[in-house]
Amino acid sequence: MIKATVYVTIKQSVLDVQGTAVQGALHSMGFQEVDKVRVGKYMEMTLNTTDRSEAEKRVRAMCEKLLANTVIEDYRFELEGA
C-alpha cells in the first residue's frame, strides 16, 4: 500500500477570492498580522499497489484529469510507503 498526499493551490498569478475573504475575516477578528492568505485543497488517499513508479504516474494522472484545474491551479504530491 502507498499513501498519497495531494496539495492543490491556486496559481500565484490568479486572484484567490477565498483567500482574500479569509484574510478579511481574520482582520475583522483582530488578527491584523495576517498579510496574505491562499486557500487550497488537501487530499489523502491510499493506493492498492507497491509499485512506487506506477503510483506516481497514477496520482499525476488523477491530478491532471480531476483533482486540479491545471489552468488556474498548481498541484504537488507526496508518496509514502512501499
N, C-alpha and C. Protein backbone atom coordinates (compact mmCIF):
# COMPACT_ATOMS: atom_id res chain seq x y z
N MET A 1 0.84 -1.18 0.00
CA MET A 1 0.00 0.00 0.00
C MET A 1 0.89 1.25 0.00
N ILE A 2 0.46 2.23 -0.75
CA ILE A 2 1.15 3.51 -0.80
C ILE A 2 0.15 4.60 -0.44
N LYS A 3 0.58 5.50 0.43
CA LYS A 3 -0.27 6.64 0.81
C LYS A 3 0.17 7.84 -0.02
N ALA A 4 -0.79 8.49 -0.66
CA ALA A 4 -0.51 9.70 -1.43
C ALA A 4 -1.17 10.88 -0.72
N THR A 5 -0.42 11.95 -0.59
CA THR A 5 -0.93 13.21 -0.06
C THR A 5 -0.84 14.23 -1.18
N VAL A 6 -1.97 14.83 -1.53
CA VAL A 6 -2.03 15.76 -2.66
C VAL A 6 -2.41 17.15 -2.15
N TYR A 7 -1.67 18.15 -2.61
CA TYR A 7 -1.93 19.54 -2.27
C TYR A 7 -2.24 20.29 -3.57
N VAL A 8 -3.36 20.99 -3.60
CA VAL A 8 -3.77 21.76 -4.77
C VAL A 8 -3.95 23.21 -4.32
N THR A 9 -3.30 24.14 -5.03
CA THR A 9 -3.40 25.55 -4.68
C THR A 9 -3.64 26.38 -5.93
N ILE A 10 -4.24 27.53 -5.74
CA ILE A 10 -4.43 28.48 -6.83
C ILE A 10 -3.06 28.99 -7.26
N LYS A 11 -2.84 29.11 -8.56
CA LYS A 11 -1.56 29.65 -9.04
C LYS A 11 -1.36 31.06 -8.51
N GLN A 12 -0.10 31.42 -8.28
CA GLN A 12 0.22 32.75 -7.74
C GLN A 12 -0.31 33.88 -8.63
N SER A 13 -0.40 33.64 -9.93
CA SER A 13 -0.85 34.68 -10.86
C SER A 13 -2.37 34.83 -10.89
N VAL A 14 -3.10 33.98 -10.18
CA VAL A 14 -4.57 34.00 -10.18
C VAL A 14 -5.06 34.58 -8.85
N LEU A 15 -6.02 35.49 -8.94
CA LEU A 15 -6.61 36.09 -7.74
C LEU A 15 -7.32 35.01 -6.92
N ASP A 16 -6.97 34.91 -5.64
CA ASP A 16 -7.57 33.93 -4.74
C ASP A 16 -8.67 34.61 -3.94
N VAL A 17 -9.89 34.57 -4.46
CA VAL A 17 -11.03 35.25 -3.84
C VAL A 17 -11.31 34.68 -2.45
N GLN A 18 -11.24 33.36 -2.30
CA GLN A 18 -11.47 32.75 -0.99
C GLN A 18 -10.40 33.21 0.01
N GLY A 19 -9.17 33.23 -0.44
CA GLY A 19 -8.09 33.68 0.43
C GLY A 19 -8.29 35.11 0.89
N THR A 20 -8.73 35.97 -0.02
CA THR A 20 -9.00 37.36 0.31
C THR A 20 -10.13 37.47 1.34
N ALA A 21 -11.16 36.65 1.17
CA ALA A 21 -12.28 36.64 2.12
C ALA A 21 -11.83 36.18 3.50
N VAL A 22 -11.01 35.14 3.55
CA VAL A 22 -10.50 34.63 4.83
C VAL A 22 -9.61 35.69 5.48
N GLN A 23 -8.77 36.34 4.70
CA GLN A 23 -7.91 37.39 5.24
C GLN A 23 -8.76 38.51 5.85
N GLY A 24 -9.81 38.94 5.14
CA GLY A 24 -10.70 39.97 5.66
C GLY A 24 -11.37 39.56 6.96
N ALA A 25 -11.81 38.31 7.02
CA ALA A 25 -12.45 37.81 8.24
C ALA A 25 -11.46 37.78 9.40
N LEU A 26 -10.24 37.34 9.14
CA LEU A 26 -9.22 37.31 10.19
C LEU A 26 -8.91 38.72 10.69
N HIS A 27 -8.81 39.67 9.76
CA HIS A 27 -8.57 41.06 10.16
C HIS A 27 -9.70 41.56 11.04
N SER A 28 -10.95 41.24 10.66
CA SER A 28 -12.09 41.72 11.45
C SER A 28 -12.15 41.07 12.83
N MET A 29 -11.45 39.96 13.00
CA MET A 29 -11.40 39.27 14.30
C MET A 29 -10.18 39.71 15.11
N GLY A 30 -9.43 40.66 14.58
CA GLY A 30 -8.30 41.18 15.34
C GLY A 30 -6.94 40.61 14.96
N PHE A 31 -6.88 39.78 13.95
CA PHE A 31 -5.60 39.18 13.53
C PHE A 31 -4.99 40.02 12.41
N GLN A 32 -4.59 41.24 12.77
CA GLN A 32 -4.07 42.19 11.78
C GLN A 32 -2.73 41.78 11.19
N GLU A 33 -2.03 40.88 11.85
CA GLU A 33 -0.71 40.48 11.37
C GLU A 33 -0.77 39.59 10.12
N VAL A 34 -1.96 39.10 9.77
CA VAL A 34 -2.10 38.26 8.59
C VAL A 34 -1.99 39.14 7.35
N ASP A 35 -0.96 38.88 6.55
CA ASP A 35 -0.69 39.71 5.38
C ASP A 35 -1.33 39.16 4.11
N LYS A 36 -1.35 37.84 3.97
CA LYS A 36 -1.88 37.23 2.75
C LYS A 36 -2.34 35.81 3.07
N VAL A 37 -3.47 35.42 2.50
CA VAL A 37 -3.99 34.07 2.69
C VAL A 37 -4.23 33.46 1.31
N ARG A 38 -3.78 32.24 1.12
CA ARG A 38 -4.06 31.46 -0.09
C ARG A 38 -4.79 30.20 0.37
N VAL A 39 -5.92 29.91 -0.23
CA VAL A 39 -6.72 28.75 0.15
C VAL A 39 -6.49 27.64 -0.87
N GLY A 40 -6.40 26.41 -0.39
CA GLY A 40 -6.18 25.28 -1.29
C GLY A 40 -6.93 24.05 -0.83
N LYS A 41 -6.61 22.93 -1.46
CA LYS A 41 -7.23 21.65 -1.13
C LYS A 41 -6.14 20.68 -0.69
N TYR A 42 -6.50 19.82 0.24
CA TYR A 42 -5.60 18.80 0.77
C TYR A 42 -6.32 17.48 0.69
N MET A 43 -5.70 16.47 0.10
CA MET A 43 -6.33 15.16 -0.03
C MET A 43 -5.35 14.06 0.36
N GLU A 44 -5.85 13.03 1.00
CA GLU A 44 -5.07 11.83 1.30
C GLU A 44 -5.76 10.65 0.65
N MET A 45 -4.99 9.78 0.07
CA MET A 45 -5.57 8.56 -0.49
C MET A 45 -4.59 7.41 -0.33
N THR A 46 -5.14 6.23 -0.24
CA THR A 46 -4.33 5.03 -0.16
C THR A 46 -4.47 4.28 -1.48
N LEU A 47 -3.34 3.93 -2.05
CA LEU A 47 -3.33 3.22 -3.33
C LEU A 47 -2.99 1.76 -3.07
N ASN A 48 -3.73 0.89 -3.67
CA ASN A 48 -3.54 -0.55 -3.50
C ASN A 48 -2.47 -1.04 -4.48
N THR A 49 -1.24 -0.62 -4.23
CA THR A 49 -0.10 -1.03 -5.05
C THR A 49 1.16 -0.90 -4.22
N THR A 50 2.21 -1.58 -4.63
CA THR A 50 3.51 -1.42 -4.00
C THR A 50 4.52 -0.86 -5.00
N ASP A 51 4.07 -0.62 -6.22
CA ASP A 51 4.94 -0.09 -7.27
C ASP A 51 4.94 1.44 -7.20
N ARG A 52 6.00 1.99 -6.63
CA ARG A 52 6.08 3.44 -6.40
C ARG A 52 6.05 4.24 -7.72
N SER A 53 6.72 3.75 -8.73
CA SER A 53 6.76 4.43 -10.02
C SER A 53 5.36 4.48 -10.64
N GLU A 54 4.66 3.38 -10.59
CA GLU A 54 3.30 3.33 -11.12
C GLU A 54 2.37 4.23 -10.30
N ALA A 55 2.54 4.23 -8.98
CA ALA A 55 1.72 5.08 -8.11
C ALA A 55 1.93 6.55 -8.47
N GLU A 56 3.17 6.94 -8.73
CA GLU A 56 3.46 8.32 -9.10
C GLU A 56 2.76 8.69 -10.40
N LYS A 57 2.83 7.81 -11.39
CA LYS A 57 2.15 8.06 -12.67
C LYS A 57 0.65 8.19 -12.49
N ARG A 58 0.08 7.30 -11.69
CA ARG A 58 -1.38 7.29 -11.50
C ARG A 58 -1.85 8.54 -10.74
N VAL A 59 -1.13 8.93 -9.70
CA VAL A 59 -1.53 10.12 -8.94
C VAL A 59 -1.39 11.36 -9.83
N ARG A 60 -0.32 11.44 -10.61
CA ARG A 60 -0.17 12.57 -11.53
C ARG A 60 -1.36 12.62 -12.50
N ALA A 61 -1.76 11.48 -13.03
CA ALA A 61 -2.90 11.42 -13.95
C ALA A 61 -4.19 11.86 -13.24
N MET A 62 -4.37 11.44 -11.98
CA MET A 62 -5.55 11.85 -11.21
C MET A 62 -5.59 13.37 -11.05
N CYS A 63 -4.44 13.94 -10.75
CA CYS A 63 -4.36 15.39 -10.57
C CYS A 63 -4.67 16.11 -11.88
N GLU A 64 -4.09 15.65 -12.96
CA GLU A 64 -4.27 16.30 -14.25
C GLU A 64 -5.72 16.18 -14.76
N LYS A 65 -6.37 15.05 -14.48
CA LYS A 65 -7.70 14.80 -15.02
C LYS A 65 -8.85 15.25 -14.13
N LEU A 66 -8.64 15.28 -12.80
CA LEU A 66 -9.77 15.55 -11.91
C LEU A 66 -9.44 16.44 -10.72
N LEU A 67 -8.37 16.17 -10.02
CA LEU A 67 -8.15 16.81 -8.73
C LEU A 67 -7.73 18.27 -8.83
N ALA A 68 -7.10 18.66 -9.93
CA ALA A 68 -6.65 20.05 -10.09
C ALA A 68 -7.09 20.57 -11.45
N ASN A 69 -7.50 21.82 -11.47
CA ASN A 69 -7.78 22.51 -12.73
C ASN A 69 -6.46 23.18 -13.10
N THR A 70 -5.68 22.54 -13.95
CA THR A 70 -4.31 22.98 -14.21
C THR A 70 -4.22 24.33 -14.92
N VAL A 71 -5.34 24.87 -15.37
CA VAL A 71 -5.32 26.21 -15.96
C VAL A 71 -5.10 27.25 -14.85
N ILE A 72 -5.73 27.04 -13.70
CA ILE A 72 -5.65 28.03 -12.63
C ILE A 72 -5.04 27.49 -11.34
N GLU A 73 -4.76 26.19 -11.27
CA GLU A 73 -4.25 25.60 -10.04
C GLU A 73 -2.93 24.86 -10.28
N ASP A 74 -2.10 24.87 -9.25
CA ASP A 74 -0.89 24.05 -9.20
C ASP A 74 -1.16 22.89 -8.27
N TYR A 75 -0.41 21.82 -8.44
CA TYR A 75 -0.52 20.71 -7.50
C TYR A 75 0.85 20.13 -7.24
N ARG A 76 0.94 19.46 -6.10
CA ARG A 76 2.12 18.67 -5.76
C ARG A 76 1.63 17.51 -4.92
N PHE A 77 2.42 16.47 -4.88
CA PHE A 77 2.02 15.33 -4.07
C PHE A 77 3.24 14.64 -3.48
N GLU A 78 2.97 13.90 -2.40
CA GLU A 78 3.99 13.13 -1.73
C GLU A 78 3.50 11.70 -1.62
N LEU A 79 4.41 10.76 -1.75
CA LEU A 79 4.08 9.34 -1.61
C LEU A 79 4.83 8.77 -0.41
N GLU A 80 4.13 7.94 0.35
CA GLU A 80 4.74 7.25 1.50
C GLU A 80 4.47 5.77 1.38
N GLY A 81 5.43 4.97 1.73
CA GLY A 81 5.24 3.53 1.75
C GLY A 81 5.88 2.86 0.54
N ALA A 82 5.81 1.54 0.57
CA ALA A 82 6.40 0.66 -0.46
C ALA A 82 7.83 1.02 -0.65
